[in-house]
Amino acid sequence: SDPFARLSGLTGVSGNWGETATQRDTMSPTFNETFTVPLLTKFPMGGKLAEFCIQLWDEDDKKRGSSDDPLGNVVVQWTKLFPDPEQQGTEETLALGGKGAKAGSK
C-alpha cells in the first residue's frame, strides 16, 4: 500500500484542511507530521468544536486512471487533542473503522 491521511473537522467547515505525505510501499505507516489549525481565528469568542476525523487512503496511480482507495477512518474527540497538561506527551493507538478498514487495524 501507499497510505496517506486526510484531516478534517474541528472548525465545523466541510472539507479537508490537511493531508500527509504518502508513505510508499508500507502496511505500517508512521505519519510524523504537524498541522496548525487556526482555531482562535475561527472562534475568537469561543465556540463548539466539531469532531476531528482522520481518513486513511491508499494512493493509486492517477496516470492509469485509478482513484485512491479508502483504508479506513477514525474520529478523535477534541478533548484527546487538547489534553490536560498532566497528560501531554502520551501516545494512543486508534482503531480504524469505516469502509475499507480491516478487522483489528490500528
PDB file of N, CA and C in Angstrom:
ATOM      1  N   SER A   1       0.830  -1.195   0.000  1.00  0.00           N
ATOM      2  CA  SER A   1       0.000   0.000   0.000  1.00  0.00           C
ATOM      3  C   SER A   1       0.865   1.246   0.000  1.00  0.00           C
ATOM      4  N   ASP A   2       0.265   2.348  -0.425  1.00  0.00           N
ATOM      5  CA  ASP A   2       0.887   3.669  -0.416  1.00  0.00           C
ATOM      6  C   ASP A   2      -0.029   4.599   0.380  1.00  0.00           C
ATOM      7  N   PRO A   3      -0.076   4.439   1.717  1.00  0.00           N
ATOM      8  CA  PRO A   3      -1.052   5.173   2.516  1.00  0.00           C
ATOM      9  C   PRO A   3      -0.708   6.652   2.745  1.00  0.00           C
ATOM     10  N   PHE A   4      -1.775   7.433   2.890  1.00  0.00           N
ATOM     11  CA  PHE A   4      -1.680   8.828   3.321  1.00  0.00           C
ATOM     12  C   PHE A   4      -2.947   9.131   4.094  1.00  0.00           C
ATOM     13  N   ALA A   5      -2.942  10.231   4.838  1.00  0.00           N
ATOM     14  CA  ALA A   5      -4.084  10.594   5.669  1.00  0.00           C
ATOM     15  C   ALA A   5      -4.608  11.971   5.280  1.00  0.00           C
ATOM     16  N   ARG A   6      -5.930  12.096   5.307  1.00  0.00           N
ATOM     17  CA  ARG A   6      -6.600  13.387   5.117  1.00  0.00           C
ATOM     18  C   ARG A   6      -7.238  13.779   6.448  1.00  0.00           C
ATOM     19  N   LEU A   7      -7.117  15.035   6.797  1.00  0.00           N
ATOM     20  CA  LEU A   7      -7.603  15.532   8.081  1.00  0.00           C
ATOM     21  C   LEU A   7      -8.757  16.500   7.874  1.00  0.00           C
ATOM     22  N   SER A   8      -9.795  16.333   8.679  1.00  0.00           N
ATOM     23  CA  SER A   8     -10.942  17.235   8.583  1.00  0.00           C
ATOM     24  C   SER A   8     -11.583  17.386   9.956  1.00  0.00           C
ATOM     25  N   GLY A   9     -12.493  18.325  10.058  1.00  0.00           N
ATOM     26  CA  GLY A   9     -13.225  18.534  11.302  1.00  0.00           C
ATOM     27  C   GLY A   9     -12.687  19.690  12.115  1.00  0.00           C
ATOM     28  N   LEU A  10     -13.051  19.737  13.359  1.00  0.00           N
ATOM     29  CA  LEU A  10     -12.730  20.747  14.360  1.00  0.00           C
ATOM     30  C   LEU A  10     -13.400  22.088  14.089  1.00  0.00           C
ATOM     31  N   THR A  11     -13.202  22.647  12.918  1.00  0.00           N
ATOM     32  CA  THR A  11     -13.681  24.001  12.657  1.00  0.00           C
ATOM     33  C   THR A  11     -15.147  24.072  12.254  1.00  0.00           C
ATOM     34  N   GLY A  12     -15.759  22.951  11.961  1.00  0.00           N
ATOM     35  CA  GLY A  12     -17.153  22.963  11.534  1.00  0.00           C
ATOM     36  C   GLY A  12     -17.319  23.261  10.054  1.00  0.00           C
ATOM     37  N   VAL A  13     -16.219  23.565   9.356  1.00  0.00           N
ATOM     38  CA  VAL A  13     -16.264  23.825   7.918  1.00  0.00           C
ATOM     39  C   VAL A  13     -16.028  22.507   7.202  1.00  0.00           C
ATOM     40  N   SER A  14     -16.855  22.218   6.193  1.00  0.00           N
ATOM     41  CA  SER A  14     -16.683  20.953   5.474  1.00  0.00           C
ATOM     42  C   SER A  14     -15.410  20.988   4.640  1.00  0.00           C
ATOM     43  N   GLY A  15     -14.919  19.817   4.325  1.00  0.00           N
ATOM     44  CA  GLY A  15     -13.712  19.703   3.512  1.00  0.00           C
ATOM     45  C   GLY A  15     -12.494  19.382   4.354  1.00  0.00           C
ATOM     46  N   ASN A  16     -11.427  19.017   3.671  1.00  0.00           N
ATOM     47  CA  ASN A  16     -10.178  18.661   4.332  1.00  0.00           C
ATOM     48  C   ASN A  16      -9.327  19.896   4.542  1.00  0.00           C
ATOM     49  N   TRP A  17      -8.638  19.958   5.662  1.00  0.00           N
ATOM     50  CA  TRP A  17      -7.739  21.082   5.902  1.00  0.00           C
ATOM     51  C   TRP A  17      -6.289  20.627   6.023  1.00  0.00           C
ATOM     52  N   GLY A  18      -6.050  19.347   5.860  1.00  0.00           N
ATOM     53  CA  GLY A  18      -4.679  18.853   5.898  1.00  0.00           C
ATOM     54  C   GLY A  18      -4.565  17.502   5.226  1.00  0.00           C
ATOM     55  N   GLU A  19      -3.362  17.215   4.721  1.00  0.00           N
ATOM     56  CA  GLU A  19      -3.099  15.926   4.093  1.00  0.00           C
ATOM     57  C   GLU A  19      -1.626  15.599   4.302  1.00  0.00           C
ATOM     58  N   THR A  20      -1.352  14.375   4.737  1.00  0.00           N
ATOM     59  CA  THR A  20       0.031  13.966   4.969  1.00  0.00           C
ATOM     60  C   THR A  20       0.698  13.599   3.648  1.00  0.00           C
ATOM     61  N   ALA A  21       1.989  13.441   3.718  1.00  0.00           N
ATOM     62  CA  ALA A  21       2.728  12.902   2.579  1.00  0.00           C
ATOM     63  C   ALA A  21       2.400  11.410   2.472  1.00  0.00           C
ATOM     64  N   THR A  22       2.483  10.879   1.278  1.00  0.00           N
ATOM     65  CA  THR A  22       2.248   9.454   1.054  1.00  0.00           C
ATOM     66  C   THR A  22       3.456   8.653   1.513  1.00  0.00           C
ATOM     67  N   GLN A  23       3.186   7.573   2.235  1.00  0.00           N
ATOM     68  CA  GLN A  23       4.230   6.646   2.661  1.00  0.00           C
ATOM     69  C   GLN A  23       4.247   5.503   1.643  1.00  0.00           C
ATOM     70  N   ARG A  24       5.309   5.357   0.907  1.00  0.00           N
ATOM     71  CA  ARG A  24       5.383   4.386  -0.182  1.00  0.00           C
ATOM     72  C   ARG A  24       5.647   2.960   0.301  1.00  0.00           C
ATOM     73  N   ASP A  25       4.921   2.021  -0.286  1.00  0.00           N
ATOM     74  CA  ASP A  25       5.139   0.579  -0.106  1.00  0.00           C
ATOM     75  C   ASP A  25       5.239   0.154   1.361  1.00  0.00           C
ATOM     76  N   THR A  26       4.226   0.484   2.155  1.00  0.00           N
ATOM     77  CA  THR A  26       4.233   0.067   3.555  1.00  0.00           C
ATOM     78  C   THR A  26       2.821  -0.255   4.027  1.00  0.00           C
ATOM     79  N   MET A  27       2.741  -1.219   4.913  1.00  0.00           N
ATOM     80  CA  MET A  27       1.474  -1.560   5.554  1.00  0.00           C
ATOM     81  C   MET A  27       1.443  -1.025   6.986  1.00  0.00           C
ATOM     82  N   SER A  28       2.548  -0.417   7.419  1.00  0.00           N
ATOM     83  CA  SER A  28       2.641   0.142   8.773  1.00  0.00           C
ATOM     84  C   SER A  28       3.204   1.555   8.704  1.00  0.00           C
ATOM     85  N   PRO A  29       2.425   2.491   8.187  1.00  0.00           N
ATOM     86  CA  PRO A  29       2.945   3.857   8.026  1.00  0.00           C
ATOM     87  C   PRO A  29       3.095   4.580   9.367  1.00  0.00           C
ATOM     88  N   THR A  30       4.058   5.480   9.410  1.00  0.00           N
ATOM     89  CA  THR A  30       4.226   6.384  10.534  1.00  0.00           C
ATOM     90  C   THR A  30       4.154   7.794   9.973  1.00  0.00           C
ATOM     91  N   PHE A  31       3.167   8.544  10.407  1.00  0.00           N
ATOM     92  CA  PHE A  31       2.993   9.914   9.946  1.00  0.00           C
ATOM     93  C   PHE A  31       3.485  10.846  11.047  1.00  0.00           C
ATOM     94  N   ASN A  32       4.685  11.324  10.905  1.00  0.00           N
ATOM     95  CA  ASN A  32       5.270  12.212  11.900  1.00  0.00           C
ATOM     96  C   ASN A  32       5.223  13.634  11.343  1.00  0.00           C
ATOM     97  N   GLU A  33       4.011  14.158  11.223  1.00  0.00           N
ATOM     98  CA  GLU A  33       3.811  15.477  10.647  1.00  0.00           C
ATOM     99  C   GLU A  33       3.004  16.339  11.607  1.00  0.00           C
ATOM    100  N   THR A  34       3.180  17.640  11.477  1.00  0.00           N
ATOM    101  CA  THR A  34       2.480  18.595  12.332  1.00  0.00           C
ATOM    102  C   THR A  34       1.623  19.499  11.466  1.00  0.00           C
ATOM    103  N   PHE A  35       0.396  19.756  11.933  1.00  0.00           N
ATOM    104  CA  PHE A  35      -0.511  20.657  11.233  1.00  0.00           C
ATOM    105  C   PHE A  35      -1.000  21.711  12.216  1.00  0.00           C
ATOM    106  N   THR A  36      -1.188  22.913  11.719  1.00  0.00           N
ATOM    107  CA  THR A  36      -1.699  24.002  12.544  1.00  0.00           C
ATOM    108  C   THR A  36      -3.109  24.341  12.082  1.00  0.00           C
ATOM    109  N   VAL A  37      -4.019  24.384  13.030  1.00  0.00           N
ATOM    110  CA  VAL A  37      -5.397  24.774  12.732  1.00  0.00           C
ATOM    111  C   VAL A  37      -5.654  26.082  13.485  1.00  0.00           C
ATOM    112  N   PRO A  38      -5.961  27.158  12.779  1.00  0.00           N
ATOM    113  CA  PRO A  38      -6.141  28.459  13.431  1.00  0.00           C
ATOM    114  C   PRO A  38      -7.485  28.570  14.155  1.00  0.00           C
ATOM    115  N   LEU A  39      -7.618  27.838  15.256  1.00  0.00           N
ATOM    116  CA  LEU A  39      -8.896  27.814  15.970  1.00  0.00           C
ATOM    117  C   LEU A  39      -9.253  29.168  16.562  1.00  0.00           C
ATOM    118  N   LEU A  40      -8.261  29.917  17.040  1.00  0.00           N
ATOM    119  CA  LEU A  40      -8.571  31.233  17.610  1.00  0.00           C
ATOM    120  C   LEU A  40      -9.092  32.194  16.545  1.00  0.00           C
ATOM    121  N   THR A  41      -8.621  32.039  15.316  1.00  0.00           N
ATOM    122  CA  THR A  41      -9.121  32.864  14.217  1.00  0.00           C
ATOM    123  C   THR A  41     -10.558  32.479  13.878  1.00  0.00           C
ATOM    124  N   LYS A  42     -10.825  31.184  13.880  1.00  0.00           N
ATOM    125  CA  LYS A  42     -12.168  30.694  13.542  1.00  0.00           C
ATOM    126  C   LYS A  42     -13.168  30.948  14.665  1.00  0.00           C
ATOM    127  N   PHE A  43     -12.689  30.877  15.919  1.00  0.00           N
ATOM    128  CA  PHE A  43     -13.569  31.013  17.089  1.00  0.00           C
ATOM    129  C   PHE A  43     -13.013  32.054  18.066  1.00  0.00           C
ATOM    130  N   PRO A  44     -12.934  33.329  17.684  1.00  0.00           N
ATOM    131  CA  PRO A  44     -12.342  34.327  18.584  1.00  0.00           C
ATOM    132  C   PRO A  44     -13.110  34.488  19.899  1.00  0.00           C
ATOM    133  N   MET A  45     -14.382  34.173  19.899  1.00  0.00           N
ATOM    134  CA  MET A  45     -15.197  34.303  21.110  1.00  0.00           C
ATOM    135  C   MET A  45     -15.497  32.934  21.723  1.00  0.00           C
ATOM    136  N   GLY A  46     -14.780  31.919  21.287  1.00  0.00           N
ATOM    137  CA  GLY A  46     -15.049  30.566  21.754  1.00  0.00           C
ATOM    138  C   GLY A  46     -16.081  29.914  20.859  1.00  0.00           C
ATOM    139  N   GLY A  47     -16.435  28.703  21.149  1.00  0.00           N
ATOM    140  CA  GLY A  47     -17.430  28.002  20.352  1.00  0.00           C
ATOM    141  C   GLY A  47     -17.260  26.511  20.482  1.00  0.00           C
ATOM    142  N   LYS A  48     -18.164  25.799  19.860  1.00  0.00           N
ATOM    143  CA  LYS A  48     -18.157  24.341  19.919  1.00  0.00           C
ATOM    144  C   LYS A  48     -17.293  23.780  18.795  1.00  0.00           C
ATOM    145  N   LEU A  49     -16.380  22.880  19.157  1.00  0.00           N
ATOM    146  CA  LEU A  49     -15.524  22.246  18.164  1.00  0.00           C
ATOM    147  C   LEU A  49     -16.215  21.009  17.609  1.00  0.00           C
ATOM    148  N   ALA A  50     -16.035  20.785  16.327  1.00  0.00           N
ATOM    149  CA  ALA A  50     -16.558  19.582  15.678  1.00  0.00           C
ATOM    150  C   ALA A  50     -15.575  18.432  15.917  1.00  0.00           C
ATOM    151  N   GLU A  51     -16.012  17.217  15.652  1.00  0.00           N
ATOM    152  CA  GLU A  51     -15.135  16.060  15.780  1.00  0.00           C
ATOM    153  C   GLU A  51     -13.992  16.164  14.775  1.00  0.00           C
ATOM    154  N   PHE A  52     -12.845  15.644  15.164  1.00  0.00           N
ATOM    155  CA  PHE A  52     -11.666  15.598  14.314  1.00  0.00           C
ATOM    156  C   PHE A  52     -11.652  14.239  13.624  1.00  0.00           C
ATOM    157  N   CYS A  53     -11.533  14.223  12.310  1.00  0.00           N
ATOM    158  CA  CYS A  53     -11.576  12.967  11.565  1.00  0.00           C
ATOM    159  C   CYS A  53     -10.278  12.769  10.784  1.00  0.00           C
ATOM    160  N   ILE A  54      -9.733  11.569  10.912  1.00  0.00           N
ATOM    161  CA  ILE A  54      -8.564  11.169  10.132  1.00  0.00           C
ATOM    162  C   ILE A  54      -9.016  10.068   9.185  1.00  0.00           C
ATOM    163  N   GLN A  55      -8.886  10.321   7.900  1.00  0.00           N
ATOM    164  CA  GLN A  55      -9.245   9.337   6.880  1.00  0.00           C
ATOM    165  C   GLN A  55      -7.956   8.815   6.256  1.00  0.00           C
ATOM    166  N   LEU A  56      -7.794   7.490   6.241  1.00  0.00           N
ATOM    167  CA  LEU A  56      -6.618   6.885   5.626  1.00  0.00           C
ATOM    168  C   LEU A  56      -6.961   6.369   4.238  1.00  0.00           C
ATOM    169  N   TRP A  57      -6.074   6.644   3.305  1.00  0.00           N
ATOM    170  CA  TRP A  57      -6.280   6.291   1.905  1.00  0.00           C
ATOM    171  C   TRP A  57      -5.060   5.586   1.359  1.00  0.00           C
ATOM    172  N   ASP A  58      -5.275   4.746   0.338  1.00  0.00           N
ATOM    173  CA  ASP A  58      -4.198   4.127  -0.419  1.00  0.00           C
ATOM    174  C   ASP A  58      -4.103   4.886  -1.733  1.00  0.00           C
ATOM    175  N   GLU A  59      -2.973   5.551  -1.943  1.00  0.00           N
ATOM    176  CA  GLU A  59      -2.803   6.342  -3.159  1.00  0.00           C
ATOM    177  C   GLU A  59      -2.615   5.423  -4.362  1.00  0.00           C
ATOM    178  N   ASP A  60      -3.352   5.699  -5.420  1.00  0.00           N
ATOM    179  CA  ASP A  60      -3.237   4.933  -6.658  1.00  0.00           C
ATOM    180  C   ASP A  60      -2.684   5.821  -7.764  1.00  0.00           C
ATOM    181  N   ASP A  61      -2.209   5.199  -8.808  1.00  0.00           N
ATOM    182  CA  ASP A  61      -1.591   5.900  -9.934  1.00  0.00           C
ATOM    183  C   ASP A  61      -2.653   6.615 -10.760  1.00  0.00           C
ATOM    184  N   LYS A  62      -2.676   7.927 -10.671  1.00  0.00           N
ATOM    185  CA  LYS A  62      -3.668   8.736 -11.403  1.00  0.00           C
ATOM    186  C   LYS A  62      -3.447   8.660 -12.914  1.00  0.00           C
ATOM    187  N   LYS A  63      -2.191   8.433 -13.336  1.00  0.00           N
ATOM    188  CA  LYS A  63      -1.889   8.358 -14.766  1.00  0.00           C
ATOM    189  C   LYS A  63      -2.561   7.157 -15.414  1.00  0.00           C
ATOM    190  N   ARG A  64      -2.846   6.133 -14.624  1.00  0.00           N
ATOM    191  CA  ARG A  64      -3.516   4.941 -15.140  1.00  0.00           C
ATOM    192  C   ARG A  64      -5.022   5.020 -14.959  1.00  0.00           C
ATOM    193  N   GLY A  65      -5.507   6.152 -14.484  1.00  0.00           N
ATOM    194  CA  GLY A  65      -6.942   6.336 -14.314  1.00  0.00           C
ATOM    195  C   GLY A  65      -7.504   5.757 -13.027  1.00  0.00           C
ATOM    196  N   SER A  66      -6.637   5.370 -12.108  1.00  0.00           N
ATOM    197  CA  SER A  66      -7.090   4.801 -10.838  1.00  0.00           C
ATOM    198  C   SER A  66      -7.373   5.913  -9.833  1.00  0.00           C
ATOM    199  N   SER A  67      -8.347   5.666  -8.974  1.00  0.00           N
ATOM    200  CA  SER A  67      -8.630   6.618  -7.903  1.00  0.00           C
ATOM    201  C   SER A  67      -8.154   6.026  -6.579  1.00  0.00           C
ATOM    202  N   ASP A  68      -7.886   6.892  -5.619  1.00  0.00           N
ATOM    203  CA  ASP A  68      -7.415   6.455  -4.309  1.00  0.00           C
ATOM    204  C   ASP A  68      -8.475   5.593  -3.634  1.00  0.00           C
ATOM    205  N   ASP A  69      -8.026   4.580  -2.879  1.00  0.00           N
ATOM    206  CA  ASP A  69      -8.930   3.659  -2.206  1.00  0.00           C
ATOM    207  C   ASP A  69      -8.970   3.951  -0.712  1.00  0.00           C
ATOM    208  N   PRO A  70     -10.166   3.944  -0.101  1.00  0.00           N
ATOM    209  CA  PRO A  70     -10.250   4.172   1.338  1.00  0.00           C
ATOM    210  C   PRO A  70      -9.718   2.971   2.116  1.00  0.00           C
ATOM    211  N   LEU A  71      -8.929   3.257   3.151  1.00  0.00           N
ATOM    212  CA  LEU A  71      -8.411   2.203   4.022  1.00  0.00           C
ATOM    213  C   LEU A  71      -9.140   2.182   5.358  1.00  0.00           C
ATOM    214  N   GLY A  72      -9.747   3.289   5.732  1.00  0.00           N
ATOM    215  CA  GLY A  72     -10.469   3.383   6.998  1.00  0.00           C
ATOM    216  C   GLY A  72     -10.402   4.789   7.548  1.00  0.00           C
ATOM    217  N   ASN A  73     -11.058   4.992   8.670  1.00  0.00           N
ATOM    218  CA  ASN A  73     -11.048   6.309   9.292  1.00  0.00           C
ATOM    219  C   ASN A  73     -11.181   6.162  10.798  1.00  0.00           C
ATOM    220  N   VAL A  74     -10.865   7.230  11.481  1.00  0.00           N
ATOM    221  CA  VAL A  74     -11.024   7.274  12.929  1.00  0.00           C
ATOM    222  C   VAL A  74     -11.457   8.684  13.308  1.00  0.00           C
ATOM    223  N   VAL A  75     -12.395   8.761  14.240  1.00  0.00           N
ATOM    224  CA  VAL A  75     -12.855  10.042  14.762  1.00  0.00           C
ATOM    225  C   VAL A  75     -12.230  10.224  16.143  1.00  0.00           C
ATOM    226  N   VAL A  76     -11.630  11.379  16.354  1.00  0.00           N
ATOM    227  CA  VAL A  76     -10.955  11.679  17.610  1.00  0.00           C
ATOM    228  C   VAL A  76     -11.687  12.842  18.275  1.00  0.00           C
ATOM    229  N   GLN A  77     -12.096  12.649  19.502  1.00  0.00           N
ATOM    230  CA  GLN A  77     -12.736  13.737  20.239  1.00  0.00           C
ATOM    231  C   GLN A  77     -11.713  14.841  20.490  1.00  0.00           C
ATOM    232  N   TRP A  78     -12.133  16.083  20.425  1.00  0.00           N
ATOM    233  CA  TRP A  78     -11.194  17.190  20.566  1.00  0.00           C
ATOM    234  C   TRP A  78     -10.508  17.194  21.928  1.00  0.00           C
ATOM    235  N   THR A  79     -11.132  16.598  22.933  1.00  0.00           N
ATOM    236  CA  THR A  79     -10.511  16.548  24.256  1.00  0.00           C
ATOM    237  C   THR A  79      -9.239  15.689  24.246  1.00  0.00           C
ATOM    238  N   LYS A  80      -9.129  14.769  23.289  1.00  0.00           N
ATOM    239  CA  LYS A  80      -7.905  13.965  23.140  1.00  0.00           C
ATOM    240  C   LYS A  80      -6.782  14.786  22.510  1.00  0.00           C
ATOM    241  N   LEU A  81      -7.154  15.774  21.692  1.00  0.00           N
ATOM    242  CA  LEU A  81      -6.157  16.613  21.030  1.00  0.00           C
ATOM    243  C   LEU A  81      -5.605  17.681  21.958  1.00  0.00           C
ATOM    244  N   PHE A  82      -6.425  18.112  22.906  1.00  0.00           N
ATOM    245  CA  PHE A  82      -6.038  19.169  23.833  1.00  0.00           C
ATOM    246  C   PHE A  82      -6.197  18.640  25.262  1.00  0.00           C
ATOM    247  N   PRO A  83      -5.325  17.706  25.665  1.00  0.00           N
ATOM    248  CA  PRO A  83      -5.479  17.088  26.986  1.00  0.00           C
ATOM    249  C   PRO A  83      -5.054  18.019  28.114  1.00  0.00           C
ATOM    250  N   ASP A  84      -5.332  17.584  29.318  1.00  0.00           N
ATOM    251  CA  ASP A  84      -4.828  18.285  30.487  1.00  0.00           C
ATOM    252  C   ASP A  84      -3.307  18.305  30.409  1.00  0.00           C
ATOM    253  N   PRO A  85      -2.663  19.354  30.931  1.00  0.00           N
ATOM    254  CA  PRO A  85      -1.197  19.432  30.870  1.00  0.00           C
ATOM    255  C   PRO A  85      -0.508  18.197  31.442  1.00  0.00           C
ATOM    256  N   GLU A  86      -1.125  17.529  32.409  1.00  0.00           N
ATOM    257  CA  GLU A  86      -0.524  16.336  33.003  1.00  0.00           C
ATOM    258  C   GLU A  86      -0.491  15.165  32.017  1.00  0.00           C
ATOM    259  N   GLN A  87      -1.340  15.182  30.997  1.00  0.00           N
ATOM    260  CA  GLN A  87      -1.428  14.079  30.043  1.00  0.00           C
ATOM    261  C   GLN A  87      -0.653  14.345  28.760  1.00  0.00           C
ATOM    262  N   GLN A  88      -0.065  15.502  28.600  1.00  0.00           N
ATOM    263  CA  GLN A  88       0.643  15.823  27.369  1.00  0.00           C
ATOM    264  C   GLN A  88       1.821  14.897  27.165  1.00  0.00           C
ATOM    265  N   GLY A  89       2.069  14.568  25.916  1.00  0.00           N
ATOM    266  CA  GLY A  89       3.177  13.690  25.572  1.00  0.00           C
ATOM    267  C   GLY A  89       2.839  12.213  25.610  1.00  0.00           C
ATOM    268  N   THR A  90       1.577  11.880  25.826  1.00  0.00           N
ATOM    269  CA  THR A  90       1.195  10.472  25.842  1.00  0.00           C
ATOM    270  C   THR A  90       0.817  10.035  24.435  1.00  0.00           C
ATOM    271  N   GLU A  91       1.034   8.772  24.142  1.00  0.00           N
ATOM    272  CA  GLU A  91       0.652   8.219  22.845  1.00  0.00           C
ATOM    273  C   GLU A  91      -0.583   7.361  23.005  1.00  0.00           C
ATOM    274  N   GLU A  92      -1.339   7.282  21.912  1.00  0.00           N
ATOM    275  CA  GLU A  92      -2.536   6.457  21.923  1.00  0.00           C
ATOM    276  C   GLU A  92      -2.678   5.790  20.564  1.00  0.00           C
ATOM    277  N   THR A  93      -3.024   4.520  20.551  1.00  0.00           N
ATOM    278  CA  THR A  93      -3.283   3.792  19.318  1.00  0.00           C
ATOM    279  C   THR A  93      -4.780   3.832  19.064  1.00  0.00           C
ATOM    280  N   LEU A  94      -5.155   4.204  17.861  1.00  0.00           N
ATOM    281  CA  LEU A  94      -6.560   4.350  17.493  1.00  0.00           C
ATOM    282  C   LEU A  94      -6.944   3.286  16.471  1.00  0.00           C
ATOM    283  N   ALA A  95      -8.049   2.604  16.688  1.00  0.00           N
ATOM    284  CA  ALA A  95      -8.519   1.572  15.768  1.00  0.00           C
ATOM    285  C   ALA A  95      -9.233   2.211  14.581  1.00  0.00           C
ATOM    286  N   LEU A  96      -8.985   1.700  13.395  1.00  0.00           N
ATOM    287  CA  LEU A  96      -9.644   2.191  12.196  1.00  0.00           C
ATOM    288  C   LEU A  96     -11.047   1.600  12.087  1.00  0.00           C
ATOM    289  N   GLY A  97     -11.936   2.370  11.514  1.00  0.00           N
ATOM    290  CA  GLY A  97     -13.277   1.890  11.233  1.00  0.00           C
ATOM    291  C   GLY A  97     -13.652   2.356   9.845  1.00  0.00           C
ATOM    292  N   GLY A  98     -14.860   2.075   9.441  1.00  0.00           N
ATOM    293  CA  GLY A  98     -15.355   2.549   8.157  1.00  0.00           C
ATOM    294  C   GLY A  98     -15.045   1.613   7.010  1.00  0.00           C
ATOM    295  N   LYS A  99     -15.541   1.984   5.854  1.00  0.00           N
ATOM    296  CA  LYS A  99     -15.360   1.191   4.644  1.00  0.00           C
ATOM    297  C   LYS A  99     -13.881   1.058   4.331  1.00  0.00           C
ATOM    298  N   GLY A 100     -13.441  -0.126   4.083  1.00  0.00           N
ATOM    299  CA  GLY A 100     -12.045  -0.373   3.730  1.00  0.00           C
ATOM    300  C   GLY A 100     -11.201  -0.805   4.899  1.00  0.00           C
ATOM    301  N   ALA A 101     -11.671  -0.584   6.136  1.00  0.00           N
ATOM    302  CA  ALA A 101     -10.887  -0.977   7.309  1.00  0.00           C
ATOM    303  C   ALA A 101     -10.955  -2.479   7.509  1.00  0.00           C
ATOM    304  N   LYS A 102      -9.841  -3.064   7.853  1.00  0.00           N
ATOM    305  CA  LYS A 102      -9.802  -4.495   8.138  1.00  0.00           C
ATOM    306  C   LYS A 102      -9.915  -4.689   9.635  1.00  0.00           C
ATOM    307  N   ALA A 103     -10.531  -5.764  10.049  1.00  0.00           N
ATOM    308  CA  ALA A 103     -10.712  -6.054  11.477  1.00  0.00           C
ATOM    309  C   ALA A 103      -9.356  -6.060  12.168  1.00  0.00           C
ATOM    310  N   GLY A 104      -9.279  -5.360  13.277  1.00  0.00           N
ATOM    311  CA  GLY A 104      -8.041  -5.299  14.047  1.00  0.00           C
ATOM    312  C   GLY A 104      -7.051  -4.286  13.550  1.00  0.00           C
ATOM    313  N   SER A 105      -7.386  -3.468  12.529  1.00  0.00           N
ATOM    314  CA  SER A 105      -6.467  -2.466  12.005  1.00  0.00           C
ATOM    315  C   SER A 105      -6.261  -1.359  13.011  1.00  0.00           C
ATOM    316  N   LYS A 106      -5.020  -0.930  13.136  1.00  0.00           N
ATOM    317  CA  LYS A 106      -4.680   0.182  14.035  1.00  0.00           C
ATOM    318  C   LYS A 106      -3.735   1.108  13.347  1.00  0.00           C
TER     319      LYS A 106
END
